[in-house]
Amino acid sequence: MTKEEFIALVKEYSNDTGFCSFHKEDHPAYVKMLVAGKKVIPWALERLKDSIGHDEGDTFDHDNDPHMLIHLISQLTNKDCFKSFPKKYAGMLNMLRKYVLKWGKAEGYIA
């Protein structure tokens, strides 16, 4: 899988499931991203970083679902990306995103 293919799958998933309040792990685009394995983590982190400021209201980016990206990274790392995540922030997108991006940097996935 190339980075361009990954971005296209993120867009496909995001547009198809934007109305859902849950993750559709059986969505064909999600399955393809998951099967691609850990090599997509840097791209997922990049897309997650791009979602900052574009996840609510008029700024919402329908092509980039940060919730799905966090879930995907969690599955690809067997939840290692959340080893010491403070439970008091569970469900808070901004805190989850910040933590996962910090983890990605510490693990060398992003500069």
N, C-alpha and C. Protein backbone atom coordinates (compact mmCIF):
# COMPACT_ATOMS: atom_id res chain seq x y z
N MET A 1 0.84 -1.18 0.00
CA MET A 1 0.00 0.00 0.00
C MET A 1 0.88 1.24 0.00
N THR A 2 0.49 2.21 -0.79
CA THR A 2 1.21 3.49 -0.83
C THR A 2 0.51 4.49 0.09
N LYS A 3 1.20 5.58 0.35
CA LYS A 3 0.62 6.64 1.17
C LYS A 3 -0.64 7.19 0.50
N GLU A 4 -0.60 7.34 -0.80
CA GLU A 4 -1.75 7.87 -1.54
C GLU A 4 -2.96 6.92 -1.42
N GLU A 5 -2.70 5.62 -1.50
CA GLU A 5 -3.77 4.65 -1.34
C GLU A 5 -4.35 4.72 0.08
N PHE A 6 -3.48 4.88 1.07
CA PHE A 6 -3.93 4.99 2.45
C PHE A 6 -4.82 6.22 2.62
N ILE A 7 -4.39 7.36 2.11
CA ILE A 7 -5.18 8.59 2.23
C ILE A 7 -6.53 8.42 1.56
N ALA A 8 -6.57 7.76 0.41
CA ALA A 8 -7.83 7.51 -0.28
C ALA A 8 -8.75 6.63 0.56
N LEU A 9 -8.18 5.64 1.25
CA LEU A 9 -8.98 4.78 2.11
C LEU A 9 -9.52 5.53 3.32
N VAL A 10 -8.71 6.42 3.89
CA VAL A 10 -9.17 7.25 5.01
C VAL A 10 -10.35 8.11 4.55
N LYS A 11 -10.24 8.71 3.38
CA LYS A 11 -11.33 9.53 2.84
C LYS A 11 -12.58 8.69 2.60
N GLU A 12 -12.41 7.52 2.00
CA GLU A 12 -13.55 6.65 1.72
C GLU A 12 -14.26 6.27 3.03
N TYR A 13 -13.49 5.81 3.99
CA TYR A 13 -14.08 5.42 5.28
C TYR A 13 -14.77 6.62 5.93
N SER A 14 -14.08 7.74 5.99
CA SER A 14 -14.60 8.93 6.65
C SER A 14 -15.90 9.40 6.02
N ASN A 15 -15.96 9.42 4.71
CA ASN A 15 -17.18 9.86 4.02
C ASN A 15 -18.32 8.86 4.17
N ASP A 16 -18.01 7.58 4.16
CA ASP A 16 -19.04 6.55 4.27
C ASP A 16 -19.61 6.41 5.67
N THR A 17 -18.83 6.77 6.68
CA THR A 17 -19.25 6.51 8.06
C THR A 17 -19.39 7.76 8.92
N GLY A 18 -19.29 8.92 8.32
CA GLY A 18 -19.34 10.17 9.08
C GLY A 18 -20.58 10.34 9.93
N PHE A 19 -21.64 9.66 9.59
CA PHE A 19 -22.90 9.77 10.32
C PHE A 19 -22.98 8.78 11.48
N CYS A 20 -22.01 7.87 11.59
CA CYS A 20 -22.03 6.83 12.62
C CYS A 20 -21.42 7.34 13.93
N SER A 21 -21.92 6.81 15.03
CA SER A 21 -21.34 7.15 16.33
C SER A 21 -20.50 6.00 16.86
N PHE A 22 -20.12 5.10 15.97
CA PHE A 22 -19.31 3.95 16.34
C PHE A 22 -18.36 3.63 15.18
N HIS A 23 -17.38 2.79 15.45
CA HIS A 23 -16.42 2.39 14.41
C HIS A 23 -16.97 1.21 13.64
N LYS A 24 -16.83 1.26 12.34
CA LYS A 24 -17.26 0.15 11.48
C LYS A 24 -16.02 -0.63 11.07
N GLU A 25 -15.63 -1.57 11.93
CA GLU A 25 -14.43 -2.35 11.69
C GLU A 25 -14.57 -3.28 10.49
N ASP A 26 -15.79 -3.48 10.04
CA ASP A 26 -15.99 -4.36 8.88
C ASP A 26 -16.07 -3.57 7.56
N HIS A 27 -15.90 -2.26 7.63
CA HIS A 27 -15.92 -1.44 6.41
C HIS A 27 -14.72 -1.86 5.56
N PRO A 28 -14.92 -2.06 4.26
CA PRO A 28 -13.82 -2.52 3.39
C PRO A 28 -12.56 -1.64 3.46
N ALA A 29 -12.72 -0.34 3.53
CA ALA A 29 -11.56 0.55 3.60
C ALA A 29 -10.81 0.35 4.91
N TYR A 30 -11.54 0.20 6.00
CA TYR A 30 -10.90 -0.01 7.31
C TYR A 30 -10.15 -1.33 7.32
N VAL A 31 -10.77 -2.36 6.80
CA VAL A 31 -10.14 -3.68 6.75
C VAL A 31 -8.83 -3.60 5.96
N LYS A 32 -8.83 -2.90 4.84
CA LYS A 32 -7.61 -2.77 4.03
C LYS A 32 -6.51 -2.05 4.79
N MET A 33 -6.88 -0.99 5.53
CA MET A 33 -5.88 -0.26 6.31
C MET A 33 -5.31 -1.14 7.42
N LEU A 34 -6.16 -1.90 8.06
CA LEU A 34 -5.74 -2.77 9.15
C LEU A 34 -4.82 -3.89 8.63
N VAL A 35 -5.20 -4.46 7.51
CA VAL A 35 -4.41 -5.55 6.92
C VAL A 35 -3.04 -5.04 6.46
N ALA A 36 -2.95 -3.79 6.08
CA ALA A 36 -1.67 -3.22 5.64
C ALA A 36 -0.63 -3.25 6.75
N GLY A 37 -1.07 -3.27 7.98
CA GLY A 37 -0.16 -3.41 9.11
C GLY A 37 0.50 -2.12 9.58
N LYS A 38 1.52 -2.30 10.39
CA LYS A 38 2.17 -1.18 11.07
C LYS A 38 2.81 -0.16 10.14
N LYS A 39 3.04 -0.53 8.89
CA LYS A 39 3.68 0.43 7.98
C LYS A 39 2.81 1.66 7.75
N VAL A 40 1.50 1.58 8.04
CA VAL A 40 0.62 2.73 7.83
C VAL A 40 0.57 3.65 9.05
N ILE A 41 1.18 3.26 10.15
CA ILE A 41 1.13 4.08 11.37
C ILE A 41 1.65 5.49 11.13
N PRO A 42 2.80 5.70 10.48
CA PRO A 42 3.26 7.08 10.25
C PRO A 42 2.25 7.91 9.45
N TRP A 43 1.60 7.29 8.47
CA TRP A 43 0.61 8.00 7.66
C TRP A 43 -0.63 8.31 8.48
N ALA A 44 -1.03 7.36 9.33
CA ALA A 44 -2.19 7.57 10.19
C ALA A 44 -1.92 8.70 11.18
N LEU A 45 -0.70 8.74 11.71
CA LEU A 45 -0.33 9.81 12.63
C LEU A 45 -0.31 11.17 11.91
N GLU A 46 0.16 11.17 10.69
CA GLU A 46 0.18 12.40 9.89
C GLU A 46 -1.25 12.91 9.66
N ARG A 47 -2.14 12.01 9.28
CA ARG A 47 -3.55 12.39 9.06
C ARG A 47 -4.18 12.84 10.38
N LEU A 48 -3.82 12.18 11.49
CA LEU A 48 -4.33 12.57 12.80
C LEU A 48 -3.88 13.98 13.14
N LYS A 49 -2.63 14.27 12.89
CA LYS A 49 -2.11 15.63 13.14
C LYS A 49 -2.85 16.65 12.26
N ASP A 50 -3.13 16.27 11.02
CA ASP A 50 -3.85 17.16 10.10
C ASP A 50 -5.29 17.44 10.56
N SER A 51 -5.82 16.59 11.43
CA SER A 51 -7.20 16.77 11.88
C SER A 51 -7.34 17.84 12.97
N ILE A 52 -6.22 18.27 13.53
CA ILE A 52 -6.28 19.29 14.59
C ILE A 52 -6.93 20.56 14.04
N GLY A 53 -7.96 21.00 14.72
CA GLY A 53 -8.69 22.20 14.30
C GLY A 53 -9.71 21.97 13.21
N HIS A 54 -9.87 20.71 12.81
CA HIS A 54 -10.80 20.39 11.72
C HIS A 54 -11.73 19.24 12.11
N ASP A 55 -12.18 19.24 13.37
CA ASP A 55 -12.96 18.11 13.83
C ASP A 55 -14.32 18.48 14.44
N GLU A 56 -14.74 19.72 14.23
CA GLU A 56 -16.06 20.10 14.73
C GLU A 56 -16.61 21.31 14.00
N GLY A 57 -17.92 21.42 14.03
CA GLY A 57 -18.58 22.58 13.45
C GLY A 57 -18.27 22.82 11.99
N ASP A 58 -18.13 24.10 11.65
CA ASP A 58 -17.89 24.50 10.26
C ASP A 58 -16.50 24.08 9.74
N THR A 59 -15.60 23.76 10.65
CA THR A 59 -14.25 23.38 10.24
C THR A 59 -14.11 21.87 10.04
N PHE A 60 -15.18 21.12 10.29
CA PHE A 60 -15.11 19.66 10.22
C PHE A 60 -14.66 19.18 8.85
N ASP A 61 -13.67 18.30 8.85
CA ASP A 61 -13.13 17.72 7.61
C ASP A 61 -13.75 16.35 7.41
N HIS A 62 -14.68 16.24 6.48
CA HIS A 62 -15.40 14.99 6.25
C HIS A 62 -14.52 13.92 5.61
N ASP A 63 -13.31 14.28 5.21
CA ASP A 63 -12.38 13.34 4.58
C ASP A 63 -11.36 12.75 5.56
N ASN A 64 -11.47 13.10 6.85
CA ASN A 64 -10.41 12.72 7.78
C ASN A 64 -10.99 12.51 9.18
N ASP A 65 -11.36 11.29 9.50
CA ASP A 65 -11.99 10.95 10.78
C ASP A 65 -10.92 10.66 11.85
N PRO A 66 -10.68 11.59 12.78
CA PRO A 66 -9.65 11.37 13.78
C PRO A 66 -9.98 10.22 14.73
N HIS A 67 -11.26 9.99 14.99
CA HIS A 67 -11.64 8.88 15.87
C HIS A 67 -11.21 7.54 15.25
N MET A 68 -11.46 7.39 13.97
CA MET A 68 -11.08 6.16 13.28
C MET A 68 -9.57 5.99 13.28
N LEU A 69 -8.84 7.08 13.05
CA LEU A 69 -7.38 7.00 13.02
C LEU A 69 -6.82 6.55 14.37
N ILE A 70 -7.36 7.09 15.45
CA ILE A 70 -6.94 6.70 16.79
C ILE A 70 -7.25 5.22 17.02
N HIS A 71 -8.44 4.81 16.62
CA HIS A 71 -8.84 3.40 16.78
C HIS A 71 -7.93 2.47 15.97
N LEU A 72 -7.63 2.86 14.75
CA LEU A 72 -6.76 2.08 13.89
C LEU A 72 -5.36 1.94 14.50
N ILE A 73 -4.80 3.04 14.94
CA ILE A 73 -3.47 3.02 15.57
C ILE A 73 -3.49 2.13 16.81
N SER A 74 -4.55 2.23 17.58
CA SER A 74 -4.69 1.40 18.77
C SER A 74 -4.68 -0.08 18.41
N GLN A 75 -5.42 -0.45 17.38
CA GLN A 75 -5.45 -1.85 16.97
C GLN A 75 -4.11 -2.31 16.41
N LEU A 76 -3.47 -1.47 15.62
CA LEU A 76 -2.19 -1.83 15.01
C LEU A 76 -1.07 -1.99 16.04
N THR A 77 -1.22 -1.34 17.18
CA THR A 77 -0.18 -1.40 18.22
C THR A 77 -0.60 -2.28 19.39
N ASN A 78 -1.69 -3.00 19.22
CA ASN A 78 -2.22 -3.84 20.30
C ASN A 78 -2.43 -3.00 21.57
N LYS A 79 -2.88 -1.77 21.37
CA LYS A 79 -3.17 -0.79 22.41
C LYS A 79 -1.94 -0.29 23.16
N ASP A 80 -0.74 -0.60 22.66
CA ASP A 80 0.48 -0.10 23.30
C ASP A 80 0.54 1.42 23.30
N CYS A 81 -0.11 2.04 22.33
CA CYS A 81 -0.08 3.51 22.24
C CYS A 81 -0.85 4.16 23.39
N PHE A 82 -1.56 3.36 24.18
CA PHE A 82 -2.33 3.90 25.32
C PHE A 82 -1.87 3.35 26.67
N LYS A 83 -0.68 2.78 26.72
CA LYS A 83 -0.23 2.10 27.95
C LYS A 83 -0.42 2.93 29.22
N SER A 84 -0.07 4.19 29.20
CA SER A 84 -0.17 5.00 30.41
C SER A 84 -1.10 6.20 30.22
N PHE A 85 -2.07 6.06 29.32
CA PHE A 85 -3.02 7.15 29.09
C PHE A 85 -3.87 7.35 30.33
N PRO A 86 -3.97 8.60 30.84
CA PRO A 86 -4.78 8.86 32.03
C PRO A 86 -6.27 8.60 31.77
N LYS A 87 -6.84 7.69 32.51
CA LYS A 87 -8.24 7.29 32.32
C LYS A 87 -9.21 8.46 32.46
N LYS A 88 -8.83 9.49 33.21
CA LYS A 88 -9.74 10.62 33.40
C LYS A 88 -9.99 11.37 32.09
N TYR A 89 -9.16 11.13 31.08
CA TYR A 89 -9.33 11.79 29.78
C TYR A 89 -9.99 10.89 28.74
N ALA A 90 -10.44 9.72 29.15
CA ALA A 90 -11.07 8.78 28.22
C ALA A 90 -12.24 9.46 27.51
N GLY A 91 -12.29 9.29 26.21
CA GLY A 91 -13.38 9.85 25.41
C GLY A 91 -13.18 11.29 24.97
N MET A 92 -12.12 11.93 25.43
CA MET A 92 -11.86 13.32 25.07
C MET A 92 -10.94 13.34 23.85
N LEU A 93 -11.51 13.65 22.69
CA LEU A 93 -10.76 13.57 21.44
C LEU A 93 -9.45 14.35 21.48
N ASN A 94 -9.49 15.58 21.93
CA ASN A 94 -8.26 16.40 21.91
C ASN A 94 -7.16 15.79 22.77
N MET A 95 -7.53 15.23 23.92
CA MET A 95 -6.53 14.61 24.80
C MET A 95 -6.03 13.30 24.20
N LEU A 96 -6.93 12.51 23.63
CA LEU A 96 -6.52 11.26 22.96
C LEU A 96 -5.56 11.54 21.82
N ARG A 97 -5.93 12.50 21.00
CA ARG A 97 -5.10 12.84 19.83
C ARG A 97 -3.72 13.32 20.29
N LYS A 98 -3.70 14.21 21.26
CA LYS A 98 -2.44 14.74 21.77
C LYS A 98 -1.56 13.61 22.32
N TYR A 99 -2.15 12.70 23.05
CA TYR A 99 -1.41 11.59 23.63
C TYR A 99 -0.86 10.66 22.56
N VAL A 100 -1.69 10.31 21.59
CA VAL A 100 -1.25 9.40 20.52
C VAL A 100 -0.15 10.05 19.67
N LEU A 101 -0.28 11.33 19.39
CA LEU A 101 0.77 12.02 18.64
C LEU A 101 2.08 12.06 19.43
N LYS A 102 1.99 12.28 20.73
CA LYS A 102 3.18 12.28 21.58
C LYS A 102 3.81 10.88 21.59
N TRP A 103 2.97 9.86 21.68
CA TRP A 103 3.45 8.48 21.63
C TRP A 103 4.16 8.22 20.29
N GLY A 104 3.55 8.65 19.18
CA GLY A 104 4.12 8.44 17.86
C GLY A 104 5.48 9.08 17.72
N LYS A 105 5.63 10.24 18.30
CA LYS A 105 6.94 10.92 18.26
C LYS A 105 7.96 10.16 19.10
N ALA A 106 7.57 9.74 20.29
CA ALA A 106 8.48 9.01 21.18
C ALA A 106 8.91 7.67 20.56
N GLU A 107 8.03 7.06 19.79
CA GLU A 107 8.32 5.78 19.15
C GLU A 107 9.07 5.93 17.82
N GLY A 108 9.26 7.17 17.38
CA GLY A 108 10.01 7.42 16.16
C GLY A 108 9.19 7.33 14.88
N TYR A 109 7.86 7.29 15.02
CA TYR A 109 7.00 7.23 13.83
C TYR A 109 6.88 8.59 13.15
N ILE A 110 7.04 9.66 13.93
CA ILE A 110 6.96 11.02 13.38
C ILE A 110 8.12 11.85 13.95
N ALA A 111 8.51 12.84 13.19
CA ALA A 111 9.64 13.70 13.63
C ALA A 111 9.18 14.74 14.62
